[in-house]
Amino acid sequence: MNSSYSTLPLIGGPRNDLDLYANKGFDYDYDDSSSGYESTDISDVESLKSAESRDSLDSLSHDSYNNLLPADEKEEVMNFQSTHALSEHLKLILAMPEMCDVTFIVGPREVPVHGVRAIMGTRNRVMYQLILKHMSMSAADEDRNAKKNKKSKKNTCNRSVGIGRSLSQRLVIPVKKYDSEVFRMLVQFIHCGSVTITEETVAGLFCAAAHFELSDLSKACLDFVERCLDAGRAEKLLISARCYSHHKATKTLFVKIYSVLDRRCIARLEETAV
């Protein structure tokens, strides 16, 4: 796949509060993209307020003040980004289980897929909610076990203390509805914003993108399906889609695949009729 999709972190603003999304009443605007990976131009300099509200040069932004200086006294500024190395290093973390603090047990074979919950939680809202849910469940289990064993009354305190304890422990989350390779690729995409889509994995990735509200990954999968259909490679796509027929999102793939095949069939019949 030749196209590349540049990505940005999902969430802006403070990220040090475990209850950032826990409140069900939250409402965020993701510019029509709930995954938050749309490319955007970012400026570190705030726009100036109306001129009427400024009383002195002290209230001007750095750039505006700079524009008032003679050309030879202006400061030179360069914004440099090296995202490729960052992406590769984030990808490398996934191959180092000792550096990860969450393990997904995926599929009927219970294949472990590792990740870093701080990265995944800040990159994707649905993943954050999943991690927080299992942190709470783990804390509740610890409290119940402490009560049964009667080791310490202090261990039976409120859940927030339990969540704090679970932060220092590896979290284990079972994932039953995905193939291990597909889920590994999903975790990689959330971690570093890149993924390689194949005919065998496109259906699973499309369903995962719908589940985790990754609209840009969904679009990439549909673009890939269209390219495969244009190349006459519908057979593997159908096999891949049938493996995920239990997901609602697969219906979109079937509709797209069969609509293209039907158009081609009609075109061939018209050619033979002529």
C-alpha atoms as a PDB file:
ATOM      1  CA  MET A   1       0.000   0.000   0.000  1.00  0.00           C
ATOM      2  CA  ASN A   2       1.680   3.162  -1.211  1.00  0.00           C
ATOM      3  CA  SER A   3      -0.462   5.766   0.526  1.00  0.00           C
ATOM      4  CA  SER A   4       0.681   7.003   3.901  1.00  0.00           C
ATOM      5  CA  TYR A   5      -1.511   8.422   6.623  1.00  0.00           C
ATOM      6  CA  SER A   6       0.065  11.025   8.883  1.00  0.00           C
ATOM      7  CA  THR A   7      -1.309  11.014  12.384  1.00  0.00           C
ATOM      8  CA  LEU A   8      -1.501  13.081  15.528  1.00  0.00           C
ATOM      9  CA  PRO A   9      -2.305  12.181  19.161  1.00  0.00           C
ATOM     10  CA  LEU A  10      -5.964  11.968  20.014  1.00  0.00           C
ATOM     11  CA  ILE A  11      -6.267  14.053  23.116  1.00  0.00           C
ATOM     12  CA  GLY A  12      -5.087  17.540  23.864  1.00  0.00           C
ATOM     13  CA  GLY A  13      -4.814  19.216  27.223  1.00  0.00           C
ATOM     14  CA  PRO A  14      -4.044  17.673  30.629  1.00  0.00           C
ATOM     15  CA  ARG A  15      -3.601  13.905  30.733  1.00  0.00           C
ATOM     16  CA  ASN A  16      -2.676  13.250  34.340  1.00  0.00           C
ATOM     17  CA  ASP A  17      -6.198  12.687  35.660  1.00  0.00           C
ATOM     18  CA  LEU A  18      -7.427   9.086  35.688  1.00  0.00           C
ATOM     19  CA  ASP A  19     -11.001  10.351  35.628  1.00  0.00           C
ATOM     20  CA  LEU A  20     -10.472  12.299  32.372  1.00  0.00           C
ATOM     21  CA  TYR A  21     -12.994  10.116  30.576  1.00  0.00           C
ATOM     22  CA  ALA A  22     -14.508   8.256  33.511  1.00  0.00           C
ATOM     23  CA  ASN A  23     -17.296  10.796  33.812  1.00  0.00           C
ATOM     24  CA  LYS A  24     -20.009   9.652  31.431  1.00  0.00           C
ATOM     25  CA  GLY A  25     -21.074  13.205  30.799  1.00  0.00           C
ATOM     26  CA  PHE A  26     -17.944  14.214  28.887  1.00  0.00           C
ATOM     27  CA  ASP A  27     -18.281  15.683  25.424  1.00  0.00           C
ATOM     28  CA  TYR A  28     -15.328  16.234  23.113  1.00  0.00           C
ATOM     29  CA  ASP A  29     -15.255  17.570  19.589  1.00  0.00           C
ATOM     30  CA  TYR A  30     -12.935  15.567  17.358  1.00  0.00           C
ATOM     31  CA  ASP A  31     -13.533  17.460  14.105  1.00  0.00           C
ATOM     32  CA  ASP A  32     -15.786  14.689  12.788  1.00  0.00           C
ATOM     33  CA  SER A  33     -13.110  12.118  13.561  1.00  0.00           C
ATOM     34  CA  SER A  34     -13.498  10.238  16.812  1.00  0.00           C
ATOM     35  CA  SER A  35     -10.084   8.627  16.445  1.00  0.00           C
ATOM     36  CA  GLY A  36      -8.295  11.978  16.452  1.00  0.00           C
ATOM     37  CA  TYR A  37      -5.718  11.056  13.824  1.00  0.00           C
ATOM     38  CA  GLU A  38      -6.643  13.689  11.224  1.00  0.00           C
ATOM     39  CA  SER A  39      -3.679  15.742   9.987  1.00  0.00           C
ATOM     40  CA  THR A  40      -3.789  19.271  11.349  1.00  0.00           C
ATOM     41  CA  ASP A  41      -1.593  22.336  11.291  1.00  0.00           C
ATOM     42  CA  ILE A  42      -0.620  23.252  14.841  1.00  0.00           C
ATOM     43  CA  SER A  43       0.683  26.600  16.013  1.00  0.00           C
ATOM     44  CA  ASP A  44       2.317  27.146  19.391  1.00  0.00           C
ATOM     45  CA  VAL A  45       1.598  30.866  19.224  1.00  0.00           C
ATOM     46  CA  GLU A  46      -1.840  32.016  20.287  1.00  0.00           C
ATOM     47  CA  SER A  47      -3.651  34.438  18.007  1.00  0.00           C
ATOM     48  CA  LEU A  48      -3.799  38.030  19.181  1.00  0.00           C
ATOM     49  CA  LYS A  49      -6.914  39.400  20.781  1.00  0.00           C
ATOM     50  CA  SER A  50      -8.605  42.500  19.416  1.00  0.00           C
ATOM     51  CA  ALA A  51      -6.431  45.620  19.249  1.00  0.00           C
ATOM     52  CA  GLU A  52      -8.842  47.499  21.492  1.00  0.00           C
ATOM     53  CA  SER A  53      -7.963  45.263  24.439  1.00  0.00           C
ATOM     54  CA  ARG A  54      -4.212  45.993  24.248  1.00  0.00           C
ATOM     55  CA  ASP A  55      -2.818  48.850  26.323  1.00  0.00           C
ATOM     56  CA  SER A  56       0.889  48.298  25.813  1.00  0.00           C
ATOM     57  CA  LEU A  57       3.520  46.330  23.909  1.00  0.00           C
ATOM     58  CA  ASP A  58       3.749  43.970  26.904  1.00  0.00           C
ATOM     59  CA  SER A  59       0.383  42.447  25.947  1.00  0.00           C
ATOM     60  CA  LEU A  60       1.531  41.651  22.373  1.00  0.00           C
ATOM     61  CA  SER A  61       2.446  38.074  21.409  1.00  0.00           C
ATOM     62  CA  HIS A  62       6.094  37.314  20.687  1.00  0.00           C
ATOM     63  CA  ASP A  63       5.510  37.142  16.911  1.00  0.00           C
ATOM     64  CA  SER A  64       3.611  40.443  16.808  1.00  0.00           C
ATOM     65  CA  TYR A  65       6.294  42.192  18.826  1.00  0.00           C
ATOM     66  CA  ASN A  66       8.891  40.685  16.525  1.00  0.00           C
ATOM     67  CA  ASN A  67       7.138  42.209  13.510  1.00  0.00           C
ATOM     68  CA  LEU A  68       7.587  45.713  14.970  1.00  0.00           C
ATOM     69  CA  LEU A  69      11.372  45.361  15.156  1.00  0.00           C
ATOM     70  CA  PRO A  70      13.759  46.308  12.325  1.00  0.00           C
ATOM     71  CA  ALA A  71      14.555  43.463   9.979  1.00  0.00           C
ATOM     72  CA  ASP A  72      18.093  43.008  11.328  1.00  0.00           C
ATOM     73  CA  GLU A  73      16.822  42.665  14.953  1.00  0.00           C
ATOM     74  CA  LYS A  74      14.140  40.009  14.333  1.00  0.00           C
ATOM     75  CA  GLU A  75      14.682  36.526  15.718  1.00  0.00           C
ATOM     76  CA  GLU A  76      14.822  33.540  13.394  1.00  0.00           C
ATOM     77  CA  VAL A  77      12.529  30.639  14.360  1.00  0.00           C
ATOM     78  CA  MET A  78      12.378  27.140  12.881  1.00  0.00           C
ATOM     79  CA  ASN A  79       9.903  24.415  13.791  1.00  0.00           C
ATOM     80  CA  PHE A  80      11.595  21.024  13.279  1.00  0.00           C
ATOM     81  CA  GLN A  81       9.851  17.651  13.664  1.00  0.00           C
ATOM     82  CA  SER A  82      11.301  14.180  13.324  1.00  0.00           C
ATOM     83  CA  THR A  83       8.287  11.894  13.649  1.00  0.00           C
ATOM     84  CA  HIS A  84       9.589   8.864  11.774  1.00  0.00           C
ATOM     85  CA  ALA A  85      12.160   7.965  14.442  1.00  0.00           C
ATOM     86  CA  LEU A  86       9.541   8.498  17.157  1.00  0.00           C
ATOM     87  CA  SER A  87       7.115   6.175  15.389  1.00  0.00           C
ATOM     88  CA  GLU A  88       9.765   3.474  14.991  1.00  0.00           C
ATOM     89  CA  HIS A  89      10.778   3.689  18.655  1.00  0.00           C
ATOM     90  CA  LEU A  90       7.162   3.428  19.801  1.00  0.00           C
ATOM     91  CA  LYS A  91       6.789   0.384  17.561  1.00  0.00           C
ATOM     92  CA  LEU A  92       9.916  -1.139  19.110  1.00  0.00           C
ATOM     93  CA  ILE A  93       8.402  -0.921  22.589  1.00  0.00           C
ATOM     94  CA  LEU A  94       5.734  -3.426  21.563  1.00  0.00           C
ATOM     95  CA  ALA A  95       8.417  -6.066  21.016  1.00  0.00           C
ATOM     96  CA  MET A  96       9.725  -5.550  24.574  1.00  0.00           C
ATOM     97  CA  PRO A  97       7.178  -7.078  27.003  1.00  0.00           C
ATOM     98  CA  GLU A  98       9.256  -6.005  29.996  1.00  0.00           C
ATOM     99  CA  MET A  99       8.660  -2.363  28.990  1.00  0.00           C
ATOM    100  CA  CYS A 100       4.881  -2.808  28.672  1.00  0.00           C
ATOM    101  CA  ASP A 101       2.269  -2.718  31.432  1.00  0.00           C
ATOM    102  CA  VAL A 102      -0.830  -4.135  29.707  1.00  0.00           C
ATOM    103  CA  THR A 103      -1.218  -7.525  28.040  1.00  0.00           C
ATOM    104  CA  PHE A 104      -4.174  -8.454  25.854  1.00  0.00           C
ATOM    105  CA  ILE A 105      -4.956 -12.190  25.729  1.00  0.00           C
ATOM    106  CA  VAL A 106      -6.311 -12.495  22.211  1.00  0.00           C
ATOM    107  CA  GLY A 107      -8.418 -15.104  20.473  1.00  0.00           C
ATOM    108  CA  PRO A 108      -9.134 -18.750  21.256  1.00  0.00           C
ATOM    109  CA  ARG A 109      -5.402 -19.518  21.397  1.00  0.00           C
ATOM    110  CA  GLU A 110      -4.935 -16.778  24.015  1.00  0.00           C
ATOM    111  CA  VAL A 111      -2.002 -15.121  22.269  1.00  0.00           C
ATOM    112  CA  PRO A 112      -0.453 -12.296  24.361  1.00  0.00           C
ATOM    113  CA  VAL A 113      -0.268  -8.864  22.742  1.00  0.00           C
ATOM    114  CA  HIS A 114       1.592  -6.250  24.777  1.00  0.00           C
ATOM    115  CA  GLY A 115       1.198  -2.496  25.001  1.00  0.00           C
ATOM    116  CA  VAL A 116       1.719   0.587  27.161  1.00  0.00           C
ATOM    117  CA  ARG A 117      -1.567   1.749  28.649  1.00  0.00           C
ATOM    118  CA  ALA A 118      -0.457   5.379  29.069  1.00  0.00           C
ATOM    119  CA  ILE A 119       0.204   5.632  25.332  1.00  0.00           C
ATOM    120  CA  MET A 120      -2.890   3.715  24.281  1.00  0.00           C
ATOM    121  CA  GLY A 121      -5.150   5.530  26.720  1.00  0.00           C
ATOM    122  CA  THR A 122      -4.103   8.965  25.504  1.00  0.00           C
ATOM    123  CA  ARG A 123      -4.221   7.961  21.844  1.00  0.00           C
ATOM    124  CA  ASN A 124      -7.691   6.433  21.826  1.00  0.00           C
ATOM    125  CA  ARG A 125     -10.764   7.186  23.907  1.00  0.00           C
ATOM    126  CA  VAL A 126     -12.374   3.731  23.615  1.00  0.00           C
ATOM    127  CA  MET A 127      -9.121   2.018  24.531  1.00  0.00           C
ATOM    128  CA  TYR A 128      -8.835   4.320  27.548  1.00  0.00           C
ATOM    129  CA  GLN A 129     -12.309   3.317  28.709  1.00  0.00           C
ATOM    130  CA  LEU A 130     -11.499  -0.379  28.224  1.00  0.00           C
ATOM    131  CA  ILE A 131      -8.271  -0.074  30.226  1.00  0.00           C
ATOM    132  CA  LEU A 132      -9.946   1.919  32.997  1.00  0.00           C
ATOM    133  CA  LYS A 133     -12.765  -0.630  33.212  1.00  0.00           C
ATOM    134  CA  HIS A 134     -10.350  -3.515  33.707  1.00  0.00           C
ATOM    135  CA  MET A 135      -8.263  -1.515  36.168  1.00  0.00           C
ATOM    136  CA  SER A 136     -11.406  -1.029  38.259  1.00  0.00           C
ATOM    137  CA  MET A 137     -12.303  -4.722  37.951  1.00  0.00           C
ATOM    138  CA  SER A 138      -8.791  -5.729  38.977  1.00  0.00           C
ATOM    139  CA  ALA A 139      -8.926  -3.411  41.980  1.00  0.00           C
ATOM    140  CA  ALA A 140     -12.309  -4.809  43.006  1.00  0.00           C
ATOM    141  CA  ASP A 141     -10.957  -8.374  42.753  1.00  0.00           C
ATOM    142  CA  GLU A 142      -8.025  -7.460  44.976  1.00  0.00           C
ATOM    143  CA  ASP A 143     -10.349  -5.988  47.567  1.00  0.00           C
ATOM    144  CA  ARG A 144     -12.560  -9.078  47.540  1.00  0.00           C
ATOM    145  CA  ASN A 145      -9.548 -11.345  47.946  1.00  0.00           C
ATOM    146  CA  ALA A 146      -8.267  -9.209  50.804  1.00  0.00           C
ATOM    147  CA  LYS A 147     -11.613  -9.521  52.566  1.00  0.00           C
ATOM    148  CA  LYS A 148     -11.673 -13.279  52.108  1.00  0.00           C
ATOM    149  CA  ASN A 149      -8.139 -13.743  53.368  1.00  0.00           C
ATOM    150  CA  LYS A 150      -8.625 -11.209  56.169  1.00  0.00           C
ATOM    151  CA  LYS A 151      -5.020 -10.111  55.828  1.00  0.00           C
ATOM    152  CA  SER A 152      -5.592  -6.423  56.385  1.00  0.00           C
ATOM    153  CA  LYS A 153      -8.587  -4.174  56.901  1.00  0.00           C
ATOM    154  CA  LYS A 154      -6.793  -1.373  55.080  1.00  0.00           C
ATOM    155  CA  ASN A 155      -6.973  -3.300  51.828  1.00  0.00           C
ATOM    156  CA  THR A 156     -10.772  -3.037  51.874  1.00  0.00           C
ATOM    157  CA  CYS A 157     -10.865   0.743  51.435  1.00  0.00           C
ATOM    158  CA  ASN A 158     -12.378   2.622  48.483  1.00  0.00           C
ATOM    159  CA  ARG A 159     -11.865   1.715  44.821  1.00  0.00           C
ATOM    160  CA  SER A 160      -9.685   4.745  44.001  1.00  0.00           C
ATOM    161  CA  VAL A 161      -6.982   3.305  46.239  1.00  0.00           C
ATOM    162  CA  GLY A 162      -7.308  -0.002  44.400  1.00  0.00           C
ATOM    163  CA  ILE A 163      -6.910   1.707  41.020  1.00  0.00           C
ATOM    164  CA  GLY A 164      -3.820   3.455  42.323  1.00  0.00           C
ATOM    165  CA  ARG A 165      -2.404   0.090  43.347  1.00  0.00           C
ATOM    166  CA  SER A 166      -3.154  -1.441  39.945  1.00  0.00           C
ATOM    167  CA  LEU A 167      -1.134   1.270  38.204  1.00  0.00           C
ATOM    168  CA  SER A 168       2.058  -0.442  39.366  1.00  0.00           C
ATOM    169  CA  GLN A 169       0.910  -3.872  38.188  1.00  0.00           C
ATOM    170  CA  ARG A 170       0.649  -5.428  34.744  1.00  0.00           C
ATOM    171  CA  LEU A 171      -2.949  -5.338  33.543  1.00  0.00           C
ATOM    172  CA  VAL A 172      -4.352  -8.381  31.710  1.00  0.00           C
ATOM    173  CA  ILE A 173      -7.326  -7.888  29.356  1.00  0.00           C
ATOM    174  CA  PRO A 174      -8.990 -10.786  27.470  1.00  0.00           C
ATOM    175  CA  VAL A 175      -9.971 -10.090  23.839  1.00  0.00           C
ATOM    176  CA  LYS A 176     -11.998 -12.884  22.235  1.00  0.00           C
ATOM    177  CA  LYS A 177     -13.471 -11.497  19.013  1.00  0.00           C
ATOM    178  CA  TYR A 178     -10.284 -10.728  17.086  1.00  0.00           C
ATOM    179  CA  ASP A 179      -7.484 -12.661  15.463  1.00  0.00           C
ATOM    180  CA  SER A 180      -4.211 -12.162  17.327  1.00  0.00           C
ATOM    181  CA  GLU A 181      -2.387 -10.728  14.287  1.00  0.00           C
ATOM    182  CA  VAL A 182      -5.195  -8.275  13.565  1.00  0.00           C
ATOM    183  CA  PHE A 183      -5.282  -7.076  17.165  1.00  0.00           C
ATOM    184  CA  ARG A 184      -1.499  -6.786  17.264  1.00  0.00           C
ATOM    185  CA  MET A 185      -1.690  -4.518  14.203  1.00  0.00           C
ATOM    186  CA  LEU A 186      -4.457  -2.484  15.845  1.00  0.00           C
ATOM    187  CA  VAL A 187      -2.317  -1.990  18.965  1.00  0.00           C
ATOM    188  CA  GLN A 188       0.594  -0.963  16.746  1.00  0.00           C
ATOM    189  CA  PHE A 189      -1.579   1.582  14.941  1.00  0.00           C
ATOM    190  CA  ILE A 190      -2.786   3.127  18.193  1.00  0.00           C
ATOM    191  CA  HIS A 191       0.773   3.186  19.523  1.00  0.00           C
ATOM    192  CA  CYS A 192       2.578   4.782  16.597  1.00  0.00           C
ATOM    193  CA  GLY A 193       0.013   5.667  13.915  1.00  0.00           C
ATOM    194  CA  SER A 194       1.151   3.234  11.210  1.00  0.00           C
ATOM    195  CA  VAL A 195      -0.040  -0.164  10.054  1.00  0.00           C
ATOM    196  CA  THR A 196       0.372  -2.465   7.049  1.00  0.00           C
ATOM    197  CA  ILE A 197      -2.976  -3.601   5.637  1.00  0.00           C
ATOM    198  CA  THR A 198      -3.179  -6.891   3.742  1.00  0.00           C
ATOM    199  CA  GLU A 199      -5.971  -8.800   2.010  1.00  0.00           C
ATOM    200  CA  GLU A 200      -6.042 -11.274   4.911  1.00  0.00           C
ATOM    201  CA  THR A 201      -6.274  -8.634   7.661  1.00  0.00           C
ATOM    202  CA  VAL A 202      -8.291  -5.816   6.088  1.00  0.00           C
ATOM    203  CA  ALA A 203     -11.673  -7.096   7.316  1.00  0.00           C
ATOM    204  CA  GLY A 204     -10.470  -7.544  10.893  1.00  0.00           C
ATOM    205  CA  LEU A 205      -8.799  -4.141  10.913  1.00  0.00           C
ATOM    206  CA  PHE A 206     -11.931  -2.523   9.498  1.00  0.00           C
ATOM    207  CA  CYS A 207     -14.074  -4.092  12.244  1.00  0.00           C
ATOM    208  CA  ALA A 208     -11.535  -3.079  14.908  1.00  0.00           C
ATOM    209  CA  ALA A 209     -11.441   0.463  13.513  1.00  0.00           C
ATOM    210  CA  ALA A 210     -15.224   0.668  13.777  1.00  0.00           C
ATOM    211  CA  HIS A 211     -15.190  -0.749  17.316  1.00  0.00           C
ATOM    212  CA  PHE A 212     -12.477   1.608  18.551  1.00  0.00           C
ATOM    213  CA  GLU A 213     -13.807   4.593  16.566  1.00  0.00           C
ATOM    214  CA  LEU A 214     -10.726   5.035  14.382  1.00  0.00           C
ATOM    215  CA  SER A 215     -12.309   6.776  11.412  1.00  0.00           C
ATOM    216  CA  ASP A 216      -9.070   7.301   9.493  1.00  0.00           C
ATOM    217  CA  LEU A 217      -8.160   3.603   9.751  1.00  0.00           C
ATOM    218  CA  SER A 218     -11.669   2.722   8.559  1.00  0.00           C
ATOM    219  CA  LYS A 219     -11.200   4.959   5.527  1.00  0.00           C
ATOM    220  CA  ALA A 220      -7.789   3.440   4.803  1.00  0.00           C
ATOM    221  CA  CYS A 221      -9.285  -0.071   4.892  1.00  0.00           C
ATOM    222  CA  LEU A 222     -12.092   0.889   2.511  1.00  0.00           C
ATOM    223  CA  ASP A 223      -9.579   2.510   0.140  1.00  0.00           C
ATOM    224  CA  PHE A 224      -7.517  -0.674   0.233  1.00  0.00           C
ATOM    225  CA  VAL A 225     -10.595  -2.813  -0.509  1.00  0.00           C
ATOM    226  CA  GLU A 226     -11.425  -0.636  -3.488  1.00  0.00           C
ATOM    227  CA  ARG A 227      -7.891  -0.998  -4.860  1.00  0.00           C
ATOM    228  CA  CYS A 228      -8.032  -4.775  -4.471  1.00  0.00           C
ATOM    229  CA  LEU A 229     -11.365  -4.927  -6.253  1.00  0.00           C
ATOM    230  CA  ASP A 230     -10.025  -2.781  -9.090  1.00  0.00           C
ATOM    231  CA  ALA A 231      -7.176  -5.280  -9.409  1.00  0.00           C
ATOM    232  CA  GLY A 232      -9.662  -8.167  -9.572  1.00  0.00           C
ATOM    233  CA  ARG A 233      -8.703  -9.624  -6.200  1.00  0.00           C
ATOM    234  CA  ALA A 234     -12.089 -10.099  -4.564  1.00  0.00           C
ATOM    235  CA  GLU A 235     -11.697 -13.732  -3.479  1.00  0.00           C
ATOM    236  CA  LYS A 236      -9.359 -13.164  -0.516  1.00  0.00           C
ATOM    237  CA  LEU A 237     -11.361 -10.130   0.534  1.00  0.00           C
ATOM    238  CA  LEU A 238     -14.518 -12.223   0.768  1.00  0.00           C
ATOM    239  CA  ILE A 239     -12.712 -14.913   2.788  1.00  0.00           C
ATOM    240  CA  SER A 240     -11.375 -12.266   5.153  1.00  0.00           C
ATOM    241  CA  ALA A 241     -14.791 -10.640   5.508  1.00  0.00           C
ATOM    242  CA  ARG A 242     -16.556 -13.957   6.236  1.00  0.00           C
ATOM    243  CA  CYS A 243     -14.169 -14.571   9.151  1.00  0.00           C
ATOM    244  CA  TYR A 244     -15.589 -11.437  10.789  1.00  0.00           C
ATOM    245  CA  SER A 245     -19.241 -11.883   9.846  1.00  0.00           C
ATOM    246  CA  HIS A 246     -20.124 -11.667  13.568  1.00  0.00           C
ATOM    247  CA  HIS A 247     -19.120  -7.976  13.545  1.00  0.00           C
ATOM    248  CA  LYS A 248     -21.699  -5.424  12.450  1.00  0.00           C
ATOM    249  CA  ALA A 249     -19.123  -3.426  10.499  1.00  0.00           C
ATOM    250  CA  THR A 250     -18.532  -6.345   8.125  1.00  0.00           C
ATOM    251  CA  LYS A 251     -21.856  -5.622   6.433  1.00  0.00           C
ATOM    252  CA  THR A 252     -20.307  -2.457   4.990  1.00  0.00           C
ATOM    253  CA  LEU A 253     -17.508  -4.513   3.440  1.00  0.00           C
ATOM    254  CA  PHE A 254     -19.902  -7.048   1.930  1.00  0.00           C
ATOM    255  CA  VAL A 255     -22.028  -4.276   0.444  1.00  0.00           C
ATOM    256  CA  LYS A 256     -18.984  -2.619  -1.094  1.00  0.00           C
ATOM    257  CA  ILE A 257     -17.511  -5.859  -2.462  1.00  0.00           C
ATOM    258  CA  TYR A 258     -20.737  -7.197  -3.951  1.00  0.00           C
ATOM    259  CA  SER A 259     -21.725  -3.848  -5.412  1.00  0.00           C
ATOM    260  CA  VAL A 260     -18.481  -3.746  -7.375  1.00  0.00           C
ATOM    261  CA  LEU A 261     -18.815  -7.385  -8.451  1.00  0.00           C
ATOM    262  CA  ASP A 262     -22.407  -6.824  -9.538  1.00  0.00           C
ATOM    263  CA  ARG A 263     -21.421  -3.819 -11.647  1.00  0.00           C
ATOM    264  CA  ARG A 264     -18.709  -5.847 -13.360  1.00  0.00           C
ATOM    265  CA  CYS A 265     -21.074  -8.736 -13.994  1.00  0.00           C
ATOM    266  CA  ILE A 266     -23.642  -6.429 -15.551  1.00  0.00           C
ATOM    267  CA  ALA A 267     -20.961  -4.792 -17.688  1.00  0.00           C
ATOM    268  CA  ARG A 268     -19.802  -8.186 -18.984  1.00  0.00           C
ATOM    269  CA  LEU A 269     -23.357  -9.240 -19.795  1.00  0.00           C
ATOM    270  CA  GLU A 270     -23.884  -6.031 -21.742  1.00  0.00           C
ATOM    271  CA  GLU A 271     -20.641  -6.599 -23.657  1.00  0.00           C
ATOM    272  CA  THR A 272     -21.627 -10.151 -24.620  1.00  0.00           C
ATOM    273  CA  ALA A 273     -25.124  -9.002 -25.606  1.00  0.00           C
ATOM    274  CA  VAL A 274     -23.642  -6.479 -28.028  1.00  0.00           C
END
